[in-house]
Each structure stands twice: as structure tokens, then as C-alpha cells.
Amino acid sequence: MNKLLTKTDFILYRDCPNNVWVKWHMPDEYGKFEISEFEKSLGLMGIEVEKLARERFKDGYLIEKRGEGAQELTKKLIAQKTPVIFQAVFSTDKFQAAADVLVWNTEAEAYDIYEIKMSSTDEEDESPLDDGKPPKVNRKKEEQYEYDLSFQVNVAKLCGLNINNKFLLRLNRDYVKHGELNLEKLFEITDKTEKIDEVFQSVTLSEMENAYKYLSDKNMPKGNCRCYYERGRKAHCTAFSIINPNVPEYSVHDLNRIGSSKKLLGELIAEGQVSMDDLSETDERFKPKKNKIGEEGKPRKINQIKVHKTKEPIVNLAAIKKELDSLTFPLCFLDYETYPTAIPMFDEYHPYQHIVFQYSLHILKSEDAELEHKECLILEGDPAERIVESLRKDIGDKGSIISWFKKFENSRNKELAQLVPKYNDFLNNVIERTYDLMDIVENQYFVHHGFRGRSSIKQIQTVIAPDFSYKKLAIKSGTDAIEAYRTILEDNMSDEEKELKKKQMLKYCQYDTEIMYIIWRFFNNLVKQP
């Protein structure tokens, strides 16, 4: 039996054809690439959103099967003009699609289709787990959704069903929960009928045919994939290492912010500059550009290449000292753990707003004092007020508050101030006192070849405190902590399992603030050396 092109694989194909070829023809190898906790979290959120979105439609029939039986059931339900059908299945000899929602339109004597998406309608592209905002829809993502919907419409048409109206149904970023969820306001509907009928349907059908032909070829495509020429390391496709076996482990794709310089990456690849060893810090193309007000950017690419070749760090002691001298004791190293649930769980929250359920705080009252640790973890109900009250007691109103990537912590503080307005002054004070320890790395005051152009706390930790490893922890990342919080909320664990999970969550968060202290101590000792 021929493999069928699904909507998911079609969208992946449009992103990187070779990647899907590997998925089709080398499934065992493809399956070795582990799905990240981030991707798992997004998948679970998507299931949650789709299940809730169905409740907007009354008396829907859910087709839970796949395969030939599901298609026969779909035909039967359509013939009966079933008012609402969920997951209607359409298959040809080449393509297969499952429509999220079909709704019988009595006036048109035809079905309307609704595609459920977990994104909001705001025009920005950002990860829901990175910076406190939902996965907002930029133009590229919006176009992907239009191709997505067009794929389903085409497959339905090939199966003999003409679709009337075509809609996207997604979360309303501006919705704020008050009491029971208002599904009419929680979800927004965008009419894509005209766009798909006039632009996308015929174009998509042509691309579908091309994709099926390309993927059906049993011979592996020659050459490198699109990611090789156009994308930085983080944006590479799943099967990149199989498709591009000659790319070194540390390559031009790891160059700082190269993903935002598609033209430059293409030029370097064309010139044969693939390894980091091939690059030159004297290349004028790496020289930072001036911004709109005439300020020159940081020479991040130049410095990254330089330290890679010399294996000698770049150290600006005067700048580091100035940064550290701006801090006042007690130093309070603070880190939040949050849960950015797609569907707001508590009143006054909007979709994807982070629930701050935990913090770790290390306090150093003087340079020679013993380090103190305080923490808070709340796993029942809305934790906002209790988190703020605990933090207010622990952190006081004096001294510098140190974080790593303070934009995240301060975004949470602003949200907490809205949720708990009586502590507005305290939280604004916290925001004003917060210093970003990452600035020393980001501003290029300390550049080490082991950083590899990155500034995440875990990357810095591998160089400054290699023995202080997250790998030995049961919870190793923020997405692990999110998953732990979610599983506890589901209440399917024994008391013993919950207690163990709580200890693991506390230990992980404690690591984040302890490593901040270690990094601060490293820089502090550095500037005090004779």
C-alpha cells in the first residue's frame, strides 16, 4: 500500500522536503531523534485547545478512527447531513486529511470547515514557553495556516465534497477569564474563504502533487537540504545530520545570530566556509552594523571566531567591574518557574499567561557572608497572591535582585502586579532593583570559546562551573518543570509520588539561582585578581 501524504507531512515538506523524505523512507533512523520536552508540551497544549474548541459546536460527532473505516463513516455522516462532524477523514490514493470541524450550512446546502489552531491572532512570532507570550502569528505562520486549510479543502474536493466557507478558529489573546470560560469569546474565527478560493487552493494542489512525487522517489535526494543554506543550528530540521553528514559539529550554523542573516549564511556556504575554522574575524561582513540611532552593535560574530581560534577568552575587566560595582548588598539571586497554559485556569488570566508557581532565592548579605536559600512552591489553586506574599517576606525592600535574562522575570512581575494590585508598589520596586547578570556575557565583556556564541545560563555553566551539572537532576529544564506541574495538577499521582516530584522541582529551581551566584562569584573574583 502506498504511503499517503498527510497535512502534517505536507507542511513539513514545505519547510524542508529532504527532512520528510527521511521520515518516509528511513523511519527507524528518523525515530531516533528524540522529541524535546518543549515539543511535547506544545503537543499537549494543542490537544487541550482542540478538545475545548469542539465544545463551541453543539451535538458534534467525533470520528476517532483512522483508515478506511473512518473514511466510510465520514461518507455516511456526510450523506446524512450530520450537523457537526469532528475529525472527518478524507483519503485518495495519494493524500489523506482529517478536518477538525465540519458544520452543515443549511443555507448553502454544503459543509463549512473550521481548522483549530492553538495560536492567537496577534502579529508576532514568539514561542509560548520562552518569553511569556503565546505563539503569535506572523505573516509566514499565517500563510502556513492557509496552506494547511487548503490541503484539507483539496483532499475533500478530490473525494467528491466541495467545501463552502473556510475558517480558522483560534485563541483570542485579549480574552480574560472571569468565572466560567466563555468559549464564544475565548476563541476567535477568521474567514479565509476568499483567500483560499482565489489564491491558495490551486497553488496548494500543485504543490501537493509535487510533494507526493518527490517523496515517493525511493532514491534519497542528492545534495544538502534547505536548512544547510538558510538556517542557524536551532532552526535545523529533525534529520539534518542524516541529510548533511559532512557538516561539522561546530559549524557556521552555530555563528551568533546567523539565523537572522540568511543572505550572509548563504554566501559563506557558497564560499565553502562551513567549519568555524574556515571563518575569519577580519571578514568585513561580520562587522556589526549601526542601529537607527547610530549606535554600533556588539562584535559578537567576530569575538566568537576569535576566541574559537585562539582558545583565549576576551575579558574586559573594567566593564565587568563597573557592572558589579553597580550592585548593592544584599544580593538576591531570583528565578521563577511558570506554567504558560494555553487555556486560562484562573480568573484574570488570559491565554498563555504564565502562572508563577515557584521561585528560588539565594541571598548574600555581604561579600563574605554565608549564602542563604529560600524557596516557595505552590501547587494548588491560583498561586499569584501567595507567591507575591512569600517573596515580599523573603526578599525585603533593599539590595540588588539578580536574574538571568531579566526580561522574563520582570514580565512576570508586571503580570503579578496586575493580578495582585495591592502589591503593585512592591513589585515595581522589585522590577527597578533587578539586574541582568547575563548582560556581562551579552555585552561581550567576557567571551569564552566554550560559550559557542550563546548566552543561556546552562551554556555558561558548562564553562564556568562544569562540575555543577543539571544532567544529574531528575528535572533538568524549565519544560521539565512545566510538565511536572501539569502532571501534579492532573492529580493522578500518589501522595508519595507527589512529594518526590515536589522535591525534584525544588532542587531544579534551586540550581538556577545557585549557579547565578557561582557565576557572580566567578566574575567578582576575576576583577579582584592582582
Protein backbone atom coordinates (compact mmCIF):
# COMPACT_ATOMS: atom_id res chain seq x y z
CA MET A 1 0.00 0.00 0.00
CA ASN A 2 1.34 3.41 -0.97
CA LYS A 3 2.17 5.86 1.77
CA LEU A 4 -0.26 8.78 1.86
CA LEU A 5 0.75 12.41 2.17
CA THR A 6 -0.89 13.89 5.26
CA LYS A 7 -1.43 17.53 6.10
CA THR A 8 1.32 17.37 8.74
CA ASP A 9 3.88 15.96 6.31
CA PHE A 10 2.85 18.42 3.61
CA ILE A 11 3.52 21.36 5.93
CA LEU A 12 6.84 19.78 6.95
CA TYR A 13 7.66 19.26 3.26
CA ARG A 14 7.09 22.92 2.51
CA ASP A 15 9.56 23.70 5.27
CA CYS A 16 12.24 21.14 4.30
CA PRO A 17 11.48 18.44 1.67
CA ASN A 18 14.50 16.26 2.44
CA ASN A 19 13.52 16.06 6.09
CA VAL A 20 10.17 14.46 5.18
CA TRP A 21 11.86 12.12 2.70
CA VAL A 22 13.94 10.74 5.58
CA LYS A 23 10.80 10.46 7.69
CA TRP A 24 9.08 8.43 4.96
CA HIS A 25 11.92 6.20 3.84
CA MET A 26 14.11 5.92 6.95
CA PRO A 27 11.54 5.84 9.77
CA ASP A 28 13.78 3.92 12.17
CA GLU A 29 16.59 6.47 11.80
CA TYR A 30 14.16 9.38 11.98
CA GLY A 31 12.61 7.94 15.11
CA LYS A 32 15.96 8.06 16.91
CA PHE A 33 15.71 11.85 17.12
CA GLU A 34 14.05 12.44 20.44
CA ILE A 35 11.17 14.88 20.65
CA SER A 36 12.06 17.72 23.01
CA GLU A 37 10.09 18.42 26.17
CA PHE A 38 9.17 21.74 24.57
CA GLU A 39 7.57 19.95 21.60
CA LYS A 40 5.79 17.54 23.93
CA SER A 41 4.37 20.47 25.91
CA LEU A 42 3.13 22.12 22.72
CA GLY A 43 1.51 18.85 21.64
CA LEU A 44 -0.34 18.51 24.93
CA MET A 45 -1.48 22.13 24.74
CA GLY A 46 -2.75 21.54 21.20
CA ILE A 47 -4.83 18.56 22.31
CA GLU A 48 -6.27 20.61 25.17
CA VAL A 49 -7.18 23.52 22.89
CA GLU A 50 -8.79 21.31 20.24
CA LYS A 51 -10.87 19.42 22.80
CA LEU A 52 -12.19 22.65 24.30
CA ALA A 53 -12.81 24.26 20.91
CA ARG A 54 -15.14 21.41 19.98
CA GLU A 55 -17.42 22.49 22.80
CA ARG A 56 -18.27 25.60 20.78
CA PHE A 57 -20.20 23.32 18.43
CA LYS A 58 -23.29 21.51 19.67
CA ASP A 59 -24.02 17.85 19.07
CA GLY A 60 -20.85 17.09 17.14
CA TYR A 61 -19.97 13.54 16.09
CA LEU A 62 -16.33 12.67 16.72
CA ILE A 63 -14.69 10.18 14.35
CA GLU A 64 -11.99 8.60 16.47
CA LYS A 65 -10.73 6.05 13.98
CA ARG A 66 -8.36 6.38 11.03
CA GLY A 67 -8.01 4.36 7.87
CA GLU A 68 -10.66 3.00 5.50
CA GLY A 69 -13.29 2.53 8.19
CA ALA A 70 -13.04 6.17 9.19
CA GLN A 71 -13.50 7.35 5.62
CA GLU A 72 -16.56 5.15 5.13
CA LEU A 73 -18.04 6.54 8.35
CA THR A 74 -17.29 10.08 7.15
CA LYS A 75 -19.13 9.41 3.88
CA LYS A 76 -22.10 8.04 5.78
CA LEU A 77 -22.29 11.03 8.13
CA ILE A 78 -21.98 13.48 5.25
CA ALA A 79 -24.71 11.68 3.29
CA GLN A 80 -26.95 12.05 6.34
CA LYS A 81 -26.09 15.78 6.52
CA THR A 82 -24.90 15.34 10.09
CA PRO A 83 -24.90 18.88 11.57
CA VAL A 84 -21.37 18.79 13.02
CA ILE A 85 -18.57 16.29 12.34
CA PHE A 86 -15.24 16.30 14.16
CA GLN A 87 -12.15 14.75 12.53
CA ALA A 88 -13.85 13.81 9.26
CA VAL A 89 -11.38 11.67 7.27
CA PHE A 90 -10.78 12.02 3.53
CA SER A 91 -8.37 9.79 1.59
CA THR A 92 -7.32 9.37 -2.04
CA ASP A 93 -4.63 7.15 -3.50
CA LYS A 94 -2.09 9.88 -2.63
CA PHE A 95 -3.43 12.13 0.11
CA GLN A 96 -5.15 11.92 3.48
CA ALA A 97 -6.65 14.69 5.61
CA ALA A 98 -8.70 14.90 8.79
CA ALA A 99 -10.86 18.02 9.10
CA ASP A 100 -11.05 19.40 12.64
CA VAL A 101 -14.68 20.53 12.27
CA LEU A 102 -17.29 20.29 9.51
CA VAL A 103 -20.53 22.22 10.05
CA TRP A 104 -23.55 21.78 7.81
CA ASN A 105 -24.61 25.11 6.30
CA THR A 106 -28.33 24.72 5.56
CA GLU A 107 -28.49 27.90 3.51
CA ALA A 108 -25.63 26.87 1.23
CA GLU A 109 -26.56 23.19 1.30
CA ALA A 110 -22.89 22.41 1.91
CA TYR A 111 -20.36 21.97 4.70
CA ASP A 112 -18.24 24.74 6.19
CA ILE A 113 -14.81 23.77 7.51
CA TYR A 114 -13.07 25.01 10.67
CA GLU A 115 -9.37 24.45 11.33
CA ILE A 116 -8.47 24.73 15.04
CA LYS A 117 -5.15 26.36 15.89
CA MET A 118 -3.61 26.92 19.31
CA SER A 119 -2.07 30.26 18.32
CA SER A 120 -3.60 33.67 18.89
CA THR A 121 -4.29 36.29 16.24
CA ASP A 122 -1.56 38.72 17.32
CA GLU A 123 1.01 39.52 14.66
CA GLU A 124 4.28 38.42 16.19
CA ASP A 125 6.31 35.24 16.10
CA GLU A 126 7.31 34.06 19.54
CA SER A 127 7.44 30.85 21.48
CA PRO A 128 4.87 30.34 24.25
CA LEU A 129 7.46 28.86 26.59
CA ASP A 130 10.25 31.36 26.03
CA ASP A 131 9.05 34.81 26.89
CA GLY A 132 5.62 34.86 28.37
CA LYS A 133 3.68 35.34 25.16
CA PRO A 134 1.66 32.92 23.05
CA PRO A 135 2.90 31.52 19.76
CA LYS A 136 1.68 34.58 17.88
CA VAL A 137 1.00 34.51 14.19
CA ASN A 138 3.41 36.30 11.88
CA ARG A 139 2.82 36.50 8.14
CA LYS A 140 4.84 33.37 7.46
CA LYS A 141 2.87 31.41 10.05
CA GLU A 142 -0.43 32.79 8.75
CA GLU A 143 0.47 31.60 5.26
CA GLN A 144 1.27 28.17 6.66
CA TYR A 145 -2.20 28.00 8.15
CA GLU A 146 -3.71 28.95 4.79
CA TYR A 147 -1.80 26.14 3.08
CA ASP A 148 -2.86 23.84 5.90
CA LEU A 149 -6.54 24.64 5.38
CA SER A 150 -6.18 24.50 1.58
CA PHE A 151 -4.70 21.00 1.81
CA GLN A 152 -7.81 19.74 3.60
CA VAL A 153 -10.16 21.50 1.20
CA ASN A 154 -8.36 19.96 -1.78
CA VAL A 155 -8.44 16.43 -0.39
CA ALA A 156 -12.13 16.77 0.45
CA LYS A 157 -12.80 18.00 -3.10
CA LEU A 158 -10.85 15.09 -4.60
CA CYS A 159 -13.15 12.84 -2.54
CA GLY A 160 -16.23 14.50 -4.05
CA LEU A 161 -17.08 17.04 -1.32
CA ASN A 162 -16.98 20.75 -2.13
CA ILE A 163 -16.39 22.86 0.97
CA ASN A 164 -18.37 26.09 1.34
CA ASN A 165 -16.78 28.52 3.85
CA LYS A 166 -13.26 28.05 5.20
CA PHE A 167 -12.45 29.27 8.71
CA LEU A 168 -9.57 29.37 11.16
CA LEU A 169 -10.61 29.07 14.79
CA ARG A 170 -8.00 30.14 17.36
CA LEU A 171 -7.48 31.65 20.77
CA ASN A 172 -8.28 35.27 21.47
CA ARG A 173 -5.20 36.79 23.12
CA ASP A 174 -7.29 39.58 24.68
CA TYR A 175 -9.75 37.29 26.43
CA VAL A 176 -9.57 37.43 30.22
CA LYS A 177 -11.21 34.71 32.27
CA HIS A 178 -13.93 35.71 34.73
CA GLY A 179 -15.72 32.74 36.22
CA GLU A 180 -16.68 30.00 33.75
CA LEU A 181 -14.89 30.05 30.41
CA ASN A 182 -16.81 31.93 27.74
CA LEU A 183 -15.98 29.85 24.68
CA GLU A 184 -17.51 32.36 22.28
CA LYS A 185 -15.04 34.98 23.48
CA LEU A 186 -12.13 32.65 24.20
CA PHE A 187 -11.93 31.62 20.54
CA GLU A 188 -11.90 33.90 17.51
CA ILE A 189 -12.94 32.93 13.99
CA THR A 190 -11.16 34.22 10.88
CA ASP A 191 -12.84 33.77 7.50
CA LYS A 192 -10.27 32.50 4.98
CA THR A 193 -12.76 31.60 2.22
CA GLU A 194 -11.85 34.30 -0.27
CA LYS A 195 -8.11 33.92 0.26
CA ILE A 196 -8.18 30.16 -0.22
CA ASP A 197 -10.59 30.18 -3.16
CA GLU A 198 -8.74 32.89 -5.07
CA VAL A 199 -5.10 32.23 -4.17
CA PHE A 200 -4.25 29.13 -2.24
CA GLN A 201 -6.42 26.24 -3.41
CA SER A 202 -4.97 25.80 -6.90
CA VAL A 203 -1.42 26.62 -5.80
CA THR A 204 -1.66 24.15 -2.94
CA LEU A 205 -2.94 21.35 -5.16
CA SER A 206 0.03 21.78 -7.48
CA GLU A 207 2.42 21.70 -4.52
CA MET A 208 0.69 18.61 -3.13
CA GLU A 209 1.27 16.74 -6.38
CA ASN A 210 4.91 17.84 -6.49
CA ALA A 211 5.39 16.82 -2.86
CA TYR A 212 3.92 13.38 -3.40
CA LYS A 213 6.10 12.77 -6.46
CA TYR A 214 9.22 13.98 -4.62
CA LEU A 215 8.58 11.88 -1.52
CA SER A 216 7.63 8.75 -3.47
CA ASP A 217 11.05 8.56 -5.12
CA LYS A 218 12.93 5.75 -3.39
CA ASN A 219 16.29 7.39 -4.09
CA MET A 220 17.46 9.77 -1.42
CA PRO A 221 17.55 13.36 -2.71
CA LYS A 222 21.05 14.49 -3.63
CA GLY A 223 22.76 17.43 -2.02
CA ASN A 224 22.08 19.39 1.12
CA CYS A 225 18.72 20.48 2.43
CA ARG A 226 17.31 23.99 2.69
CA CYS A 227 18.36 24.29 6.32
CA TYR A 228 22.01 23.94 5.31
CA TYR A 229 21.89 27.12 3.27
CA GLU A 230 19.35 29.20 5.17
CA ARG A 231 19.13 28.41 8.89
CA GLY A 232 21.03 28.58 12.11
CA ARG A 233 21.53 25.49 14.27
CA LYS A 234 18.38 25.91 16.38
CA ALA A 235 16.14 26.01 13.29
CA HIS A 236 17.55 22.91 11.61
CA CYS A 237 15.17 20.16 10.56
CA THR A 238 14.93 16.94 12.53
CA ALA A 239 17.01 14.84 10.13
CA PHE A 240 19.68 17.48 9.44
CA SER A 241 22.59 15.28 10.48
CA ILE A 242 21.45 12.47 8.14
CA ILE A 243 20.90 14.75 5.16
CA ASN A 244 24.05 16.80 5.72
CA PRO A 245 26.56 14.31 7.19
CA ASN A 246 29.62 16.39 6.34
CA VAL A 247 28.62 19.41 8.44
CA PRO A 248 30.93 19.55 11.47
CA GLU A 249 29.51 19.52 14.97
CA TYR A 250 30.60 23.16 15.39
CA SER A 251 29.94 24.96 12.12
CA VAL A 252 28.99 28.25 10.56
CA HIS A 253 25.43 27.37 11.57
CA ASP A 254 26.48 27.99 15.19
CA LEU A 255 27.66 31.51 14.49
CA ASN A 256 25.91 34.00 16.75
CA ARG A 257 22.55 35.07 15.29
CA ILE A 258 23.39 33.68 11.85
CA GLY A 259 19.78 32.56 11.54
CA SER A 260 18.82 36.21 11.22
CA SER A 261 21.39 36.69 8.42
CA LYS A 262 20.11 34.31 5.76
CA LYS A 263 21.94 36.11 2.92
CA LEU A 264 25.25 36.04 4.80
CA LEU A 265 24.90 32.35 5.65
CA GLY A 266 24.23 31.55 2.02
CA GLU A 267 27.30 33.48 0.92
CA LEU A 268 29.56 31.75 3.44
CA ILE A 269 28.28 28.29 2.45
CA ALA A 270 28.76 29.10 -1.25
CA GLU A 271 32.36 30.08 -0.50
CA GLY A 272 33.00 26.78 1.25
CA GLN A 273 33.19 28.33 4.72
CA VAL A 274 31.32 25.65 6.65
CA SER A 275 33.50 24.87 9.66
CA MET A 276 34.13 27.52 12.31
CA ASP A 277 37.80 27.03 11.42
CA ASP A 278 37.08 28.38 7.93
CA LEU A 279 35.84 31.74 9.18
CA SER A 280 37.95 34.86 9.66
CA GLU A 281 37.35 37.54 12.27
CA THR A 282 38.68 40.10 9.78
CA ASP A 283 35.83 39.42 7.35
CA GLU A 284 34.11 42.81 6.90
CA ARG A 285 30.73 41.10 6.69
CA PHE A 286 30.99 40.22 10.38
CA LYS A 287 31.45 43.84 11.39
CA PRO A 288 28.43 44.95 13.46
CA LYS A 289 26.05 47.40 11.86
CA LYS A 290 24.73 50.60 13.34
CA ASN A 291 21.17 50.83 14.55
CA LYS A 292 18.65 53.53 13.70
CA ILE A 293 20.13 55.99 16.18
CA GLY A 294 23.69 55.40 15.04
CA GLU A 295 24.83 53.05 17.80
CA GLU A 296 27.10 50.23 16.69
CA GLY A 297 26.18 46.70 17.67
CA LYS A 298 28.35 44.27 19.57
CA PRO A 299 31.05 42.37 17.61
CA ARG A 300 29.57 39.04 18.63
CA LYS A 301 30.43 37.07 15.49
CA ILE A 302 33.96 38.50 15.37
CA ASN A 303 34.59 37.68 19.03
CA GLN A 304 33.15 34.19 18.70
CA ILE A 305 35.50 33.38 15.81
CA LYS A 306 38.48 34.98 17.56
CA VAL A 307 38.14 33.03 20.82
CA HIS A 308 37.48 29.81 18.90
CA LYS A 309 40.79 30.15 17.11
CA THR A 310 42.93 31.43 19.98
CA LYS A 311 41.21 29.49 22.77
CA GLU A 312 41.91 32.60 24.86
CA PRO A 313 38.93 34.40 26.45
CA ILE A 314 38.19 38.05 25.76
CA VAL A 315 37.97 39.84 29.11
CA ASN A 316 37.02 43.48 29.71
CA LEU A 317 37.83 43.77 33.41
CA ALA A 318 36.94 47.46 33.66
CA ALA A 319 33.49 46.87 32.18
CA ILE A 320 32.83 43.84 34.38
CA LYS A 321 33.93 45.77 37.47
CA LYS A 322 31.64 48.65 36.58
CA GLU A 323 28.71 46.25 36.25
CA LEU A 324 29.41 44.54 39.58
CA ASP A 325 30.05 47.85 41.37
CA SER A 326 26.55 48.95 40.40
CA LEU A 327 25.09 46.20 42.64
CA THR A 328 24.24 46.72 46.28
CA PHE A 329 24.05 44.17 49.08
CA PRO A 330 22.18 42.12 49.94
CA LEU A 331 22.38 40.40 46.59
CA CYS A 332 19.24 38.40 45.89
CA PHE A 333 19.51 35.79 43.14
CA LEU A 334 15.95 35.13 41.93
CA ASP A 335 14.42 32.65 39.48
CA TYR A 336 10.76 31.86 38.70
CA GLU A 337 9.23 28.66 37.38
CA THR A 338 6.00 29.15 35.46
CA TYR A 339 3.29 27.32 33.55
CA PRO A 340 2.11 29.07 30.35
CA THR A 341 -1.12 27.20 29.86
CA ALA A 342 -2.98 27.83 26.60
CA ILE A 343 -6.37 27.79 28.32
CA PRO A 344 -6.54 30.19 31.31
CA MET A 345 -7.06 28.20 34.50
CA PHE A 346 -7.80 31.05 36.92
CA ASP A 347 -9.70 34.33 36.91
CA GLU A 348 -7.92 37.40 35.48
CA TYR A 349 -5.60 35.28 33.32
CA HIS A 350 -5.56 35.36 29.52
CA PRO A 351 -4.48 32.58 27.11
CA TYR A 352 -0.84 31.60 27.57
CA GLN A 353 -0.34 33.89 30.53
CA HIS A 354 2.29 32.37 32.79
CA ILE A 355 1.22 31.00 36.14
CA VAL A 356 4.10 31.73 38.52
CA PHE A 357 4.00 28.70 40.79
CA GLN A 358 7.56 28.61 42.17
CA TYR A 359 10.62 30.65 42.93
CA SER A 360 14.10 30.06 44.29
CA LEU A 361 16.01 32.79 46.07
CA HIS A 362 19.64 32.81 47.19
CA ILE A 363 20.62 35.77 49.37
CA LEU A 364 24.14 37.07 50.02
CA LYS A 365 24.07 39.79 52.67
CA SER A 366 27.72 40.74 52.24
CA GLU A 367 30.63 39.56 50.16
CA ASP A 368 31.93 37.32 52.93
CA ALA A 369 28.57 36.23 54.33
CA GLU A 370 27.21 32.72 54.15
CA LEU A 371 24.83 32.16 51.28
CA GLU A 372 21.19 31.76 52.38
CA HIS A 373 18.48 29.98 50.44
CA LYS A 374 14.72 30.50 50.44
CA GLU A 375 12.09 28.98 48.20
CA CYS A 376 8.39 28.73 47.55
CA LEU A 377 6.36 26.17 45.61
CA ILE A 378 2.56 26.31 45.38
CA LEU A 379 0.73 23.52 43.62
CA GLU A 380 -2.94 24.16 44.32
CA GLY A 381 -5.20 26.99 43.20
CA ASP A 382 -4.08 30.33 41.79
CA PRO A 383 -0.63 30.84 43.37
CA ALA A 384 -0.22 34.54 42.42
CA GLU A 385 -1.03 36.23 45.74
CA ARG A 386 0.71 33.60 47.87
CA ILE A 387 3.84 33.75 45.68
CA VAL A 388 4.00 37.54 46.00
CA GLU A 389 3.41 37.49 49.76
CA SER A 390 6.13 34.91 50.25
CA LEU A 391 8.55 36.80 48.01
CA ARG A 392 7.82 40.05 49.83
CA LYS A 393 8.68 38.41 53.13
CA ASP A 394 11.84 36.75 51.80
CA ILE A 395 13.37 39.42 49.59
CA GLY A 396 12.79 42.62 51.52
CA ASP A 397 12.96 46.10 50.01
CA LYS A 398 16.73 46.65 49.75
CA GLY A 399 19.58 45.29 47.70
CA SER A 400 20.03 44.22 44.10
CA ILE A 401 17.91 41.43 42.67
CA ILE A 402 19.90 39.37 40.18
CA SER A 403 18.35 37.30 37.42
CA TRP A 404 19.46 35.71 34.17
CA PHE A 405 17.53 37.24 31.25
CA LYS A 406 15.61 39.68 33.43
CA LYS A 407 13.06 40.35 30.69
CA PHE A 408 11.35 37.12 31.65
CA GLU A 409 11.27 37.72 35.42
CA ASN A 410 10.17 41.33 35.03
CA SER A 411 7.43 40.37 32.60
CA ARG A 412 6.12 38.02 35.26
CA ASN A 413 6.41 40.77 37.89
CA LYS A 414 4.31 43.10 35.75
CA GLU A 415 1.66 40.42 35.34
CA LEU A 416 1.69 39.66 39.06
CA ALA A 417 1.19 43.37 39.76
CA GLN A 418 -1.98 43.25 37.66
CA LEU A 419 -3.18 40.05 39.32
CA VAL A 420 -2.41 41.26 42.85
CA PRO A 421 -2.73 45.08 42.62
CA LYS A 422 -2.32 45.65 46.38
CA TYR A 423 1.35 44.67 45.93
CA ASN A 424 1.87 46.89 42.93
CA ASP A 425 4.41 49.15 44.69
CA PHE A 426 6.42 46.18 45.95
CA LEU A 427 6.56 44.51 42.54
CA ASN A 428 7.53 47.75 40.80
CA ASN A 429 10.31 48.06 43.36
CA VAL A 430 11.42 44.52 42.51
CA ILE A 431 11.48 45.44 38.82
CA GLU A 432 13.57 48.55 39.45
CA ARG A 433 16.07 46.63 41.57
CA THR A 434 16.52 43.74 39.12
CA TYR A 435 19.87 43.40 37.38
CA ASP A 436 20.53 41.03 34.47
CA LEU A 437 23.72 39.07 35.11
CA MET A 438 23.52 37.85 31.52
CA ASP A 439 24.49 41.37 30.40
CA ILE A 440 28.14 40.66 31.14
CA VAL A 441 28.07 37.90 28.53
CA GLU A 442 25.66 39.58 26.12
CA ASN A 443 27.65 42.82 26.12
CA GLN A 444 30.81 40.86 25.29
CA TYR A 445 32.65 41.79 28.47
CA PHE A 446 33.56 38.13 28.89
CA VAL A 447 33.73 35.87 25.85
CA HIS A 448 34.89 32.26 26.06
CA HIS A 449 35.22 29.77 23.23
CA GLY A 450 33.18 27.30 25.28
CA PHE A 451 30.16 29.62 25.11
CA ARG A 452 29.95 28.99 21.36
CA GLY A 453 28.29 32.34 20.80
CA ARG A 454 25.45 31.58 23.22
CA SER A 455 24.41 33.21 26.46
CA SER A 456 21.99 30.74 28.07
CA ILE A 457 22.77 30.07 31.72
CA LYS A 458 23.27 26.35 31.05
CA GLN A 459 25.81 27.06 28.32
CA ILE A 460 27.72 29.47 30.55
CA GLN A 461 27.58 26.96 33.40
CA THR A 462 29.35 24.31 31.33
CA VAL A 463 32.38 26.60 31.15
CA ILE A 464 32.41 28.41 34.49
CA ALA A 465 31.15 25.57 36.68
CA PRO A 466 31.43 22.32 34.66
CA ASP A 467 31.02 20.12 37.74
CA PHE A 468 27.76 21.84 38.62
CA SER A 469 25.72 19.85 36.13
CA TYR A 470 21.97 19.73 35.56
CA LYS A 471 22.34 16.29 33.99
CA LYS A 472 22.22 14.52 37.34
CA LEU A 473 18.85 16.10 38.21
CA ALA A 474 15.51 14.37 37.63
CA ILE A 475 14.14 17.70 36.36
CA LYS A 476 16.72 19.25 34.05
CA SER A 477 14.95 22.15 32.34
CA GLY A 478 12.13 24.65 32.52
CA THR A 479 9.97 22.49 30.27
CA ASP A 480 10.59 19.53 32.61
CA ALA A 481 9.33 21.73 35.44
CA ILE A 482 6.25 22.69 33.39
CA GLU A 483 5.49 19.03 32.78
CA ALA A 484 5.95 18.23 36.47
CA TYR A 485 3.49 20.98 37.42
CA ARG A 486 0.99 19.76 34.84
CA THR A 487 1.15 16.14 35.98
CA ILE A 488 0.65 17.12 39.62
CA LEU A 489 -2.40 19.22 38.67
CA GLU A 490 -3.90 16.20 36.91
CA ASP A 491 -3.98 14.55 40.34
CA ASN A 492 -3.23 11.05 39.08
CA MET A 493 -0.27 10.55 41.40
CA SER A 494 0.02 9.00 44.82
CA ASP A 495 1.00 11.21 47.77
CA GLU A 496 4.46 9.65 47.75
CA GLU A 497 4.91 10.37 44.04
CA LYS A 498 3.78 13.96 44.54
CA GLU A 499 6.22 14.52 47.35
CA LEU A 500 9.07 13.12 45.29
CA LYS A 501 8.11 15.32 42.33
CA LYS A 502 7.96 18.39 44.58
CA LYS A 503 11.46 17.72 45.88
CA GLN A 504 12.72 17.37 42.33
CA MET A 505 11.07 20.66 41.30
CA LEU A 506 12.57 22.49 44.26
CA LYS A 507 16.02 21.09 43.55
CA TYR A 508 15.95 22.19 39.92
CA CYS A 509 14.87 25.75 40.67
CA GLN A 510 17.47 25.95 43.45
CA TYR A 511 20.13 25.03 40.90
CA ASP A 512 19.21 28.01 38.71
CA THR A 513 19.80 30.57 41.46
CA GLU A 514 22.82 28.79 42.89
CA ILE A 515 24.52 28.78 39.51
CA MET A 516 23.78 32.51 39.21
CA TYR A 517 25.62 33.02 42.48
CA ILE A 518 28.54 30.89 41.26
CA ILE A 519 28.76 32.92 38.03
CA TRP A 520 28.62 36.18 40.00
CA ARG A 521 31.35 34.90 42.32
CA PHE A 522 33.47 33.93 39.31
CA PHE A 523 33.26 37.43 37.83
CA ASN A 524 33.76 39.04 41.23
CA ASN A 525 36.96 37.04 41.84
CA LEU A 526 38.11 37.82 38.32
CA VAL A 527 38.06 41.60 38.80
CA LYS A 528 39.77 41.30 42.17
CA GLN A 529 42.78 39.42 40.82
CA PRO A 530 46.03 41.42 41.05
